[in-house]
Amino acid sequence: MAILEATKALPCSNKPNLNAITYKEIFPLIKKNRLWFGPSIHSGDREFGVPKDYPLHASGYRIDDDGNKFIRVKGVRWFTNLDYQERHEDLILYNPYSPESYPKYDNYDAINVDKTKEIPMDYKGAMGVPITFLDKYNPEQFEILNSNHLRNNENVPYKSHGLIKDKEGSIDGKPKYVRILIKNKRL
C-alpha cells in the first residue's frame, strides 16, 4: 500500500518522468528495492496521441494524414513493483578503474561515472552513476547507497532523498547532473 500511496504523489503518475526518482517520496522506495522501472520503456522517448485541440508545444510532435496529433515526451518511465527476469540480469562490466578516468567528487567520497556502460569492473568503493542506471539495475549485483553517509564534510547539506544533487555534486567545481551512488556487491 505504501507504494501505491507514494505514486499518487507523482504528477502524471500513470506516465512518470525519469526525474521522479529524485522525489523524496520515491527514491527511498527504489533504494529499499520496493519500486523499480518496468521492463518495457528504456529509451524514455515515447509518442502519445493527444486530442485534436491540444496545443503542440512539445519539442517533438507530428500530425498524421487523418489530422491526429501526437507528441513525443522524453524521460518517460513505467514504475512498478512487479518483478521480471530482465531486472536480475548482470550488467557486463568491461572498463578497468583508473583515477584518471574516474575523478572523485569535491564533496563526496565517491568516484564519478558518466555512463552506465562505463562502470568500472574492479572498483570496490562508492560510484556516482546517472539516474538512467536504473534501466540496468540488478539488485543482486549493485547496492544503492545514501549520499548523506559519504559527505566529505558537514557543510554539505543533508539530502532527504539521499542522491547527489545540485552544486554539491561537482567535480573540480563543475556540477554534475543528479547521480545515484552505488557499490558493486560482488567485489
N, C-alpha and C. Protein backbone atom coordinates (compact mmCIF):
# COMPACT_ATOMS: atom_id res chain seq x y z
N MET A 1 0.81 -1.18 0.00
CA MET A 1 0.00 0.00 0.00
C MET A 1 0.87 1.26 0.00
N ALA A 2 2.04 1.22 0.64
CA ALA A 2 2.91 2.39 0.68
C ALA A 2 3.35 2.79 -0.71
N ILE A 3 3.57 1.80 -1.59
CA ILE A 3 3.98 2.12 -2.95
C ILE A 3 2.86 2.83 -3.68
N LEU A 4 1.66 2.35 -3.55
CA LEU A 4 0.53 2.99 -4.19
C LEU A 4 0.36 4.41 -3.67
N GLU A 5 0.46 4.61 -2.36
CA GLU A 5 0.31 5.94 -1.79
C GLU A 5 1.41 6.86 -2.28
N ALA A 6 2.65 6.39 -2.37
CA ALA A 6 3.75 7.23 -2.82
C ALA A 6 3.59 7.62 -4.27
N THR A 7 3.11 6.70 -5.11
CA THR A 7 2.99 7.03 -6.52
C THR A 7 1.82 7.97 -6.78
N LYS A 8 0.85 8.03 -5.86
CA LYS A 8 -0.23 9.00 -6.01
C LYS A 8 0.31 10.41 -5.92
N ALA A 9 1.43 10.60 -5.26
CA ALA A 9 2.02 11.92 -5.11
C ALA A 9 2.71 12.39 -6.37
N LEU A 10 2.92 11.49 -7.32
CA LEU A 10 3.59 11.85 -8.56
C LEU A 10 2.68 12.66 -9.47
N PRO A 11 3.19 13.74 -10.05
CA PRO A 11 2.40 14.38 -11.08
C PRO A 11 2.35 13.45 -12.29
N CYS A 12 1.22 13.32 -12.91
CA CYS A 12 1.07 12.46 -14.09
C CYS A 12 1.53 11.05 -13.76
N SER A 13 1.01 10.47 -12.68
CA SER A 13 1.54 9.23 -12.12
C SER A 13 1.42 8.03 -13.04
N ASN A 14 0.56 8.08 -14.06
CA ASN A 14 0.49 6.91 -14.94
C ASN A 14 1.65 6.87 -15.93
N LYS A 15 2.32 7.98 -16.17
CA LYS A 15 3.48 8.02 -17.04
C LYS A 15 4.54 8.92 -16.40
N PRO A 16 5.11 8.53 -15.25
CA PRO A 16 6.04 9.42 -14.58
C PRO A 16 7.30 9.66 -15.37
N ASN A 17 7.86 10.81 -15.17
CA ASN A 17 9.12 11.19 -15.79
C ASN A 17 10.26 10.51 -15.04
N LEU A 18 11.34 10.27 -15.75
CA LEU A 18 12.54 9.68 -15.17
C LEU A 18 12.99 10.44 -13.93
N ASN A 19 12.86 11.75 -13.93
CA ASN A 19 13.31 12.55 -12.79
C ASN A 19 12.48 12.35 -11.54
N ALA A 20 11.36 11.63 -11.62
CA ALA A 20 10.55 11.35 -10.44
C ALA A 20 11.34 10.55 -9.41
N ILE A 21 12.40 9.87 -9.82
CA ILE A 21 13.19 9.11 -8.84
C ILE A 21 13.85 10.04 -7.83
N THR A 22 14.00 11.32 -8.17
CA THR A 22 14.64 12.26 -7.25
C THR A 22 13.69 12.77 -6.17
N TYR A 23 12.41 12.43 -6.25
CA TYR A 23 11.46 12.87 -5.23
C TYR A 23 11.76 12.16 -3.92
N LYS A 24 11.64 12.91 -2.83
CA LYS A 24 11.94 12.34 -1.51
C LYS A 24 11.00 11.20 -1.15
N GLU A 25 9.81 11.14 -1.78
CA GLU A 25 8.87 10.06 -1.50
C GLU A 25 9.17 8.82 -2.35
N ILE A 26 9.85 8.99 -3.46
CA ILE A 26 10.06 7.90 -4.42
C ILE A 26 11.42 7.22 -4.24
N PHE A 27 12.49 7.99 -4.14
CA PHE A 27 13.82 7.37 -4.10
C PHE A 27 14.00 6.38 -2.95
N PRO A 28 13.49 6.65 -1.74
CA PRO A 28 13.63 5.64 -0.69
C PRO A 28 13.00 4.29 -1.05
N LEU A 29 11.91 4.30 -1.80
CA LEU A 29 11.29 3.04 -2.24
C LEU A 29 12.19 2.31 -3.23
N ILE A 30 12.86 3.05 -4.10
CA ILE A 30 13.80 2.44 -5.05
C ILE A 30 14.99 1.88 -4.28
N LYS A 31 15.52 2.66 -3.35
CA LYS A 31 16.68 2.22 -2.56
C LYS A 31 16.36 0.96 -1.75
N LYS A 32 15.14 0.86 -1.23
CA LYS A 32 14.73 -0.31 -0.44
C LYS A 32 14.28 -1.48 -1.31
N ASN A 33 14.39 -1.34 -2.63
CA ASN A 33 14.01 -2.39 -3.58
C ASN A 33 12.51 -2.71 -3.49
N ARG A 34 11.71 -1.67 -3.32
CA ARG A 34 10.26 -1.83 -3.28
C ARG A 34 9.59 -1.22 -4.51
N LEU A 35 10.38 -0.51 -5.35
CA LEU A 35 9.87 0.13 -6.56
C LEU A 35 11.02 0.17 -7.56
N TRP A 36 10.72 -0.07 -8.85
CA TRP A 36 11.75 -0.06 -9.88
C TRP A 36 11.11 0.26 -11.21
N PHE A 37 11.97 0.43 -12.22
CA PHE A 37 11.47 0.67 -13.57
C PHE A 37 10.90 -0.62 -14.13
N GLY A 38 9.81 -0.51 -14.87
CA GLY A 38 9.23 -1.65 -15.56
C GLY A 38 10.07 -2.02 -16.78
N PRO A 39 9.77 -3.15 -17.40
CA PRO A 39 10.63 -3.68 -18.46
C PRO A 39 10.44 -3.08 -19.85
N SER A 40 9.39 -2.33 -20.11
CA SER A 40 9.08 -2.01 -21.50
C SER A 40 9.62 -0.70 -22.02
N ILE A 41 9.96 0.25 -21.18
CA ILE A 41 10.42 1.55 -21.66
C ILE A 41 11.83 1.78 -21.18
N HIS A 42 12.78 1.76 -22.11
CA HIS A 42 14.17 2.01 -21.73
C HIS A 42 14.70 3.31 -22.30
N SER A 43 14.30 3.67 -23.49
CA SER A 43 14.83 4.90 -24.07
C SER A 43 14.18 6.11 -23.45
N GLY A 44 12.94 5.97 -22.98
CA GLY A 44 12.25 7.06 -22.34
C GLY A 44 11.61 8.05 -23.29
N ASP A 45 11.84 7.93 -24.57
CA ASP A 45 11.26 8.84 -25.56
C ASP A 45 10.05 8.14 -26.16
N ARG A 46 8.85 8.61 -25.81
CA ARG A 46 7.62 7.95 -26.24
C ARG A 46 6.67 8.92 -26.91
N GLU A 47 5.89 8.38 -27.82
CA GLU A 47 4.89 9.18 -28.54
C GLU A 47 3.50 8.88 -27.98
N PHE A 48 2.73 9.94 -27.77
CA PHE A 48 1.38 9.82 -27.24
C PHE A 48 0.40 10.58 -28.13
N GLY A 49 -0.75 9.97 -28.38
CA GLY A 49 -1.81 10.66 -29.09
C GLY A 49 -2.47 11.67 -28.17
N VAL A 50 -2.79 12.83 -28.71
CA VAL A 50 -3.43 13.89 -27.93
C VAL A 50 -4.68 14.36 -28.68
N PRO A 51 -5.63 15.00 -27.98
CA PRO A 51 -6.84 15.49 -28.66
C PRO A 51 -6.50 16.48 -29.78
N LYS A 52 -7.38 16.58 -30.75
CA LYS A 52 -7.12 17.44 -31.91
C LYS A 52 -6.99 18.91 -31.54
N ASP A 53 -7.61 19.33 -30.41
CA ASP A 53 -7.50 20.72 -29.99
C ASP A 53 -6.31 20.97 -29.05
N TYR A 54 -5.49 19.96 -28.83
CA TYR A 54 -4.34 20.06 -27.93
C TYR A 54 -3.27 20.94 -28.58
N PRO A 55 -2.73 21.94 -27.84
CA PRO A 55 -1.66 22.78 -28.42
C PRO A 55 -0.37 21.99 -28.56
N LEU A 56 0.30 22.15 -29.66
CA LEU A 56 1.54 21.40 -29.92
C LEU A 56 2.76 22.23 -29.51
N HIS A 57 3.08 22.18 -28.21
CA HIS A 57 4.24 22.90 -27.68
C HIS A 57 5.39 21.96 -27.33
N ALA A 58 5.21 20.69 -27.54
CA ALA A 58 6.26 19.72 -27.22
C ALA A 58 7.43 19.90 -28.17
N SER A 59 8.61 19.46 -27.75
CA SER A 59 9.79 19.58 -28.61
C SER A 59 9.69 18.67 -29.82
N GLY A 60 8.93 17.59 -29.71
CA GLY A 60 8.71 16.70 -30.84
C GLY A 60 7.24 16.39 -30.98
N TYR A 61 6.71 16.56 -32.16
CA TYR A 61 5.30 16.26 -32.40
C TYR A 61 5.10 15.99 -33.88
N ARG A 62 3.92 15.43 -34.20
CA ARG A 62 3.56 15.20 -35.60
C ARG A 62 2.05 15.16 -35.72
N ILE A 63 1.57 15.38 -36.92
CA ILE A 63 0.16 15.25 -37.26
C ILE A 63 0.09 14.27 -38.42
N ASP A 64 -0.70 13.19 -38.26
CA ASP A 64 -0.77 12.19 -39.32
C ASP A 64 -1.72 12.65 -40.44
N ASP A 65 -1.85 11.83 -41.46
CA ASP A 65 -2.66 12.17 -42.63
C ASP A 65 -4.13 12.39 -42.30
N ASP A 66 -4.61 11.83 -41.20
CA ASP A 66 -6.01 11.99 -40.79
C ASP A 66 -6.21 13.16 -39.83
N GLY A 67 -5.15 13.92 -39.55
CA GLY A 67 -5.26 15.07 -38.66
C GLY A 67 -5.08 14.73 -37.19
N ASN A 68 -4.72 13.48 -36.87
CA ASN A 68 -4.48 13.08 -35.48
C ASN A 68 -3.15 13.65 -35.02
N LYS A 69 -3.15 14.19 -33.80
CA LYS A 69 -1.95 14.82 -33.26
C LYS A 69 -1.23 13.86 -32.30
N PHE A 70 0.09 13.92 -32.35
CA PHE A 70 0.94 13.10 -31.48
C PHE A 70 2.07 13.96 -30.96
N ILE A 71 2.41 13.79 -29.70
CA ILE A 71 3.57 14.47 -29.13
C ILE A 71 4.56 13.42 -28.65
N ARG A 72 5.84 13.79 -28.66
CA ARG A 72 6.89 12.91 -28.12
C ARG A 72 7.31 13.48 -26.78
N VAL A 73 7.36 12.61 -25.79
CA VAL A 73 7.73 13.00 -24.43
C VAL A 73 9.00 12.25 -24.05
N LYS A 74 9.99 12.99 -23.58
CA LYS A 74 11.26 12.38 -23.17
C LYS A 74 11.23 12.03 -21.69
N GLY A 75 12.02 11.06 -21.31
CA GLY A 75 12.18 10.71 -19.91
C GLY A 75 11.03 9.92 -19.30
N VAL A 76 10.18 9.33 -20.12
CA VAL A 76 9.03 8.58 -19.61
C VAL A 76 9.51 7.22 -19.10
N ARG A 77 9.00 6.83 -17.95
CA ARG A 77 9.30 5.51 -17.40
C ARG A 77 8.03 4.93 -16.78
N TRP A 78 8.02 3.61 -16.69
CA TRP A 78 6.95 2.89 -16.03
C TRP A 78 7.52 2.41 -14.70
N PHE A 79 6.96 2.85 -13.60
CA PHE A 79 7.37 2.43 -12.27
C PHE A 79 6.47 1.28 -11.84
N THR A 80 7.06 0.28 -11.21
CA THR A 80 6.30 -0.90 -10.81
C THR A 80 6.95 -1.55 -9.59
N ASN A 81 6.23 -2.50 -9.00
CA ASN A 81 6.82 -3.39 -8.01
C ASN A 81 6.60 -4.84 -8.44
N LEU A 82 6.25 -5.03 -9.71
CA LEU A 82 6.11 -6.36 -10.29
C LEU A 82 7.48 -6.81 -10.77
N ASP A 83 7.90 -7.99 -10.33
CA ASP A 83 9.22 -8.48 -10.70
C ASP A 83 9.21 -9.05 -12.12
N TYR A 84 10.36 -9.02 -12.76
CA TYR A 84 10.53 -9.62 -14.08
C TYR A 84 12.00 -10.04 -14.24
N GLN A 85 12.23 -11.05 -15.04
CA GLN A 85 13.54 -11.69 -15.15
C GLN A 85 14.65 -10.71 -15.55
N GLU A 86 14.39 -9.81 -16.47
CA GLU A 86 15.41 -8.93 -17.01
C GLU A 86 16.10 -8.08 -15.93
N ARG A 87 15.39 -7.73 -14.88
CA ARG A 87 16.00 -6.88 -13.84
C ARG A 87 16.98 -7.65 -12.97
N HIS A 88 17.10 -8.96 -13.15
CA HIS A 88 18.06 -9.77 -12.39
C HIS A 88 19.25 -10.20 -13.25
N GLU A 89 19.34 -9.66 -14.46
CA GLU A 89 20.48 -9.97 -15.33
C GLU A 89 21.65 -9.05 -14.98
N ASP A 90 22.84 -9.63 -14.91
CA ASP A 90 24.02 -8.83 -14.60
C ASP A 90 24.35 -7.85 -15.72
N LEU A 91 24.79 -6.69 -15.30
CA LEU A 91 25.35 -5.71 -16.22
C LEU A 91 26.80 -6.14 -16.45
N ILE A 92 27.16 -6.42 -17.69
CA ILE A 92 28.53 -6.85 -18.00
C ILE A 92 29.42 -5.61 -17.96
N LEU A 93 30.48 -5.68 -17.16
CA LEU A 93 31.39 -4.55 -16.97
C LEU A 93 32.71 -4.83 -17.67
N TYR A 94 33.22 -3.83 -18.40
CA TYR A 94 34.43 -4.02 -19.19
C TYR A 94 35.59 -3.12 -18.78
N ASN A 95 35.29 -1.94 -18.29
CA ASN A 95 36.33 -0.94 -18.07
C ASN A 95 37.07 -1.16 -16.75
N PRO A 96 38.41 -1.14 -16.80
CA PRO A 96 39.17 -1.20 -15.54
C PRO A 96 39.18 0.20 -14.90
N TYR A 97 39.27 0.23 -13.58
CA TYR A 97 39.32 1.51 -12.87
C TYR A 97 40.69 2.16 -13.04
N SER A 98 40.68 3.47 -13.22
CA SER A 98 41.89 4.28 -13.15
C SER A 98 41.48 5.65 -12.61
N PRO A 99 42.27 6.23 -11.73
CA PRO A 99 41.93 7.54 -11.15
C PRO A 99 41.79 8.63 -12.22
N GLU A 100 42.52 8.50 -13.31
CA GLU A 100 42.45 9.50 -14.38
C GLU A 100 41.10 9.45 -15.10
N SER A 101 40.53 8.28 -15.25
CA SER A 101 39.26 8.12 -15.97
C SER A 101 38.05 8.36 -15.09
N TYR A 102 38.20 8.20 -13.77
CA TYR A 102 37.07 8.30 -12.85
C TYR A 102 37.41 9.26 -11.70
N PRO A 103 37.22 10.56 -11.93
CA PRO A 103 37.55 11.53 -10.87
C PRO A 103 36.60 11.44 -9.67
N LYS A 104 37.10 11.88 -8.53
CA LYS A 104 36.28 11.90 -7.30
C LYS A 104 35.49 13.21 -7.24
N TYR A 105 34.35 13.15 -6.55
CA TYR A 105 33.54 14.33 -6.32
C TYR A 105 34.23 15.25 -5.32
N ASP A 106 33.96 16.54 -5.42
CA ASP A 106 34.53 17.50 -4.49
C ASP A 106 34.01 17.28 -3.06
N ASN A 107 32.75 16.91 -2.92
CA ASN A 107 32.11 16.87 -1.60
C ASN A 107 31.66 15.49 -1.14
N TYR A 108 31.97 14.46 -1.92
CA TYR A 108 31.56 13.10 -1.55
C TYR A 108 32.71 12.13 -1.76
N ASP A 109 32.77 11.12 -0.93
CA ASP A 109 33.79 10.08 -1.05
C ASP A 109 33.31 9.04 -2.06
N ALA A 110 33.32 9.43 -3.33
CA ALA A 110 32.85 8.56 -4.41
C ALA A 110 33.46 9.04 -5.72
N ILE A 111 33.57 8.12 -6.65
CA ILE A 111 34.04 8.48 -7.99
C ILE A 111 32.83 8.75 -8.89
N ASN A 112 33.06 9.50 -9.95
CA ASN A 112 32.01 9.78 -10.92
C ASN A 112 32.12 8.83 -12.11
N VAL A 113 30.98 8.33 -12.55
CA VAL A 113 30.90 7.51 -13.76
C VAL A 113 29.87 8.18 -14.66
N ASP A 114 30.29 8.67 -15.82
CA ASP A 114 29.40 9.44 -16.69
C ASP A 114 28.34 8.62 -17.40
N LYS A 115 28.65 7.36 -17.70
CA LYS A 115 27.70 6.50 -18.42
C LYS A 115 27.65 5.14 -17.74
N THR A 116 26.46 4.57 -17.69
CA THR A 116 26.27 3.26 -17.05
C THR A 116 27.21 2.23 -17.66
N LYS A 117 27.37 2.25 -18.96
CA LYS A 117 28.23 1.25 -19.61
C LYS A 117 29.70 1.41 -19.25
N GLU A 118 30.05 2.52 -18.59
CA GLU A 118 31.44 2.77 -18.20
C GLU A 118 31.72 2.44 -16.73
N ILE A 119 30.78 1.81 -16.03
CA ILE A 119 31.02 1.43 -14.63
C ILE A 119 32.25 0.52 -14.59
N PRO A 120 33.26 0.85 -13.77
CA PRO A 120 34.46 0.01 -13.76
C PRO A 120 34.18 -1.37 -13.17
N MET A 121 34.85 -2.35 -13.72
CA MET A 121 34.63 -3.75 -13.32
C MET A 121 35.33 -4.10 -12.03
N ASP A 122 36.28 -3.27 -11.58
CA ASP A 122 37.14 -3.65 -10.46
C ASP A 122 37.19 -2.61 -9.34
N TYR A 123 36.22 -1.69 -9.30
CA TYR A 123 36.23 -0.66 -8.25
C TYR A 123 35.34 -1.08 -7.10
N LYS A 124 35.90 -1.10 -5.88
CA LYS A 124 35.17 -1.59 -4.71
C LYS A 124 34.41 -0.50 -3.96
N GLY A 125 34.69 0.76 -4.23
CA GLY A 125 34.09 1.84 -3.46
C GLY A 125 32.80 2.37 -4.06
N ALA A 126 32.38 3.53 -3.55
CA ALA A 126 31.14 4.18 -4.00
C ALA A 126 31.36 4.87 -5.34
N MET A 127 30.33 4.76 -6.17
CA MET A 127 30.37 5.35 -7.51
C MET A 127 29.09 6.14 -7.75
N GLY A 128 29.22 7.34 -8.30
CA GLY A 128 28.06 8.14 -8.69
C GLY A 128 27.74 7.86 -10.14
N VAL A 129 26.54 7.36 -10.41
CA VAL A 129 26.15 7.00 -11.77
C VAL A 129 24.91 7.80 -12.17
N PRO A 130 24.68 7.96 -13.49
CA PRO A 130 23.49 8.68 -13.93
C PRO A 130 22.21 7.97 -13.49
N ILE A 131 21.12 8.72 -13.39
CA ILE A 131 19.86 8.12 -12.96
C ILE A 131 19.35 7.09 -13.97
N THR A 132 19.81 7.15 -15.20
CA THR A 132 19.42 6.15 -16.20
C THR A 132 20.01 4.78 -15.88
N PHE A 133 20.93 4.72 -14.91
CA PHE A 133 21.46 3.44 -14.43
C PHE A 133 20.33 2.51 -14.03
N LEU A 134 19.24 3.07 -13.55
CA LEU A 134 18.13 2.23 -13.07
C LEU A 134 17.53 1.36 -14.17
N ASP A 135 17.77 1.72 -15.44
CA ASP A 135 17.34 0.85 -16.55
C ASP A 135 18.07 -0.49 -16.53
N LYS A 136 19.27 -0.52 -15.95
CA LYS A 136 20.11 -1.73 -15.93
C LYS A 136 20.34 -2.27 -14.53
N TYR A 137 19.71 -1.67 -13.55
CA TYR A 137 19.96 -2.02 -12.15
C TYR A 137 19.53 -3.43 -11.81
N ASN A 138 20.49 -4.20 -11.31
CA ASN A 138 20.26 -5.55 -10.80
C ASN A 138 20.55 -5.50 -9.30
N PRO A 139 19.54 -5.68 -8.45
CA PRO A 139 19.76 -5.56 -7.00
C PRO A 139 20.68 -6.63 -6.41
N GLU A 140 20.93 -7.71 -7.14
CA GLU A 140 21.88 -8.71 -6.66
C GLU A 140 23.32 -8.30 -6.97
N GLN A 141 23.51 -7.44 -7.97
CA GLN A 141 24.85 -7.03 -8.40
C GLN A 141 25.30 -5.72 -7.75
N PHE A 142 24.36 -4.80 -7.54
CA PHE A 142 24.70 -3.48 -7.02
C PHE A 142 23.86 -3.14 -5.79
N GLU A 143 24.46 -2.35 -4.92
CA GLU A 143 23.74 -1.78 -3.77
C GLU A 143 23.61 -0.28 -4.01
N ILE A 144 22.43 0.26 -3.79
CA ILE A 144 22.22 1.70 -3.87
C ILE A 144 22.54 2.27 -2.50
N LEU A 145 23.42 3.29 -2.48
CA LEU A 145 23.89 3.89 -1.24
C LEU A 145 23.20 5.23 -0.99
N ASN A 146 23.31 5.71 0.22
CA ASN A 146 22.78 7.01 0.59
C ASN A 146 23.94 8.01 0.58
N SER A 147 23.83 9.06 -0.21
CA SER A 147 24.93 10.04 -0.33
C SER A 147 25.24 10.73 0.98
N ASN A 148 24.27 10.83 1.87
CA ASN A 148 24.50 11.52 3.15
C ASN A 148 25.59 10.84 3.98
N HIS A 149 25.77 9.55 3.79
CA HIS A 149 26.78 8.80 4.54
C HIS A 149 28.18 8.97 3.94
N LEU A 150 28.26 9.60 2.76
CA LEU A 150 29.55 9.74 2.07
C LEU A 150 29.96 11.20 1.88
N ARG A 151 29.33 12.12 2.63
CA ARG A 151 29.72 13.52 2.55
C ARG A 151 31.12 13.69 3.12
N ASN A 152 31.94 14.53 2.46
CA ASN A 152 33.30 14.77 2.94
C ASN A 152 33.36 15.72 4.12
N ASN A 153 32.33 16.56 4.28
CA ASN A 153 32.32 17.48 5.41
C ASN A 153 30.88 17.84 5.78
N GLU A 154 30.71 18.37 6.97
CA GLU A 154 29.37 18.68 7.49
C GLU A 154 28.73 19.88 6.79
N ASN A 155 29.49 20.64 6.02
CA ASN A 155 28.93 21.79 5.29
C ASN A 155 28.10 21.37 4.09
N VAL A 156 28.26 20.13 3.66
CA VAL A 156 27.45 19.61 2.55
C VAL A 156 26.06 19.31 3.10
N PRO A 157 25.03 19.93 2.53
CA PRO A 157 23.68 19.75 3.08
C PRO A 157 23.23 18.29 3.05
N TYR A 158 22.47 17.92 4.08
CA TYR A 158 21.84 16.62 4.16
C TYR A 158 20.72 16.58 3.12
N LYS A 159 20.64 15.53 2.32
CA LYS A 159 19.62 15.40 1.28
C LYS A 159 18.62 14.33 1.71
N SER A 160 17.36 14.70 1.89
CA SER A 160 16.37 13.74 2.37
C SER A 160 16.19 12.56 1.41
N HIS A 161 16.47 12.76 0.12
CA HIS A 161 16.33 11.68 -0.85
C HIS A 161 17.57 10.81 -0.93
N GLY A 162 18.72 11.31 -0.49
CA GLY A 162 19.94 10.51 -0.48
C GLY A 162 20.67 10.44 -1.80
N LEU A 163 20.37 11.34 -2.73
CA LEU A 163 21.05 11.41 -4.02
C LEU A 163 22.09 12.51 -4.00
N ILE A 164 23.04 12.47 -4.95
CA ILE A 164 23.93 13.60 -5.15
C ILE A 164 23.22 14.54 -6.11
N LYS A 165 22.98 15.77 -5.66
CA LYS A 165 22.23 16.74 -6.45
C LYS A 165 22.82 18.12 -6.27
N ASP A 166 22.47 18.98 -7.19
CA ASP A 166 22.79 20.40 -7.09
C ASP A 166 24.30 20.64 -7.16
N LYS A 167 24.73 21.80 -6.72
CA LYS A 167 26.13 22.18 -6.84
C LYS A 167 27.06 21.35 -5.97
N GLU A 168 26.51 20.67 -4.95
CA GLU A 168 27.35 19.83 -4.10
C GLU A 168 27.88 18.62 -4.88
N GLY A 169 27.21 18.24 -5.96
CA GLY A 169 27.65 17.12 -6.77
C GLY A 169 28.56 17.56 -7.89
N SER A 170 29.65 18.23 -7.52
CA SER A 170 30.55 18.77 -8.54
C SER A 170 31.90 18.07 -8.50
N ILE A 171 32.63 18.25 -9.61
CA ILE A 171 34.00 17.76 -9.73
C ILE A 171 34.82 18.94 -10.22
N ASP A 172 35.83 19.29 -9.47
CA ASP A 172 36.65 20.48 -9.75
C ASP A 172 35.78 21.71 -9.95
N GLY A 173 34.74 21.82 -9.12
CA GLY A 173 33.86 22.98 -9.15
C GLY A 173 32.80 22.97 -10.24
N LYS A 174 32.80 21.96 -11.11
CA LYS A 174 31.81 21.88 -12.18
C LYS A 174 30.71 20.90 -11.79
N PRO A 175 29.45 21.38 -11.66
CA PRO A 175 28.36 20.50 -11.22
C PRO A 175 28.04 19.40 -12.23
N LYS A 176 27.66 18.27 -11.70
CA LYS A 176 27.18 17.14 -12.50
C LYS A 176 25.67 17.06 -12.31
N TYR A 177 24.98 16.43 -13.27
CA TYR A 177 23.55 16.20 -13.12
C TYR A 177 23.35 15.19 -11.99
N VAL A 178 22.13 15.01 -11.54
CA VAL A 178 21.81 14.11 -10.43
C VAL A 178 22.51 12.75 -10.59
N ARG A 179 23.05 12.26 -9.50
CA ARG A 179 23.72 10.96 -9.50
C ARG A 179 23.17 10.08 -8.38
N ILE A 180 23.12 8.80 -8.68
CA ILE A 180 22.80 7.76 -7.70
C ILE A 180 24.13 7.16 -7.27
N LEU A 181 24.32 6.99 -5.98
CA LEU A 181 25.53 6.34 -5.51
C LEU A 181 25.29 4.84 -5.39
N ILE A 182 26.20 4.08 -5.96
CA ILE A 182 26.09 2.63 -5.94
C ILE A 182 27.42 2.02 -5.52
N LYS A 183 27.35 0.73 -5.20
CA LYS A 183 28.55 -0.06 -4.89
C LYS A 183 28.34 -1.44 -5.47
N ASN A 184 29.38 -1.99 -6.07
CA ASN A 184 29.32 -3.34 -6.62
C ASN A 184 29.34 -4.34 -5.47
N LYS A 185 28.30 -5.12 -5.31
CA LYS A 185 28.20 -6.10 -4.22
C LYS A 185 29.15 -7.28 -4.40
N ARG A 186 29.64 -7.47 -5.59
CA ARG A 186 30.41 -8.68 -5.88
C ARG A 186 31.92 -8.49 -5.74
N LEU A 187 32.34 -7.33 -5.29
CA LEU A 187 33.78 -7.09 -5.12
C LEU A 187 34.14 -7.04 -3.65
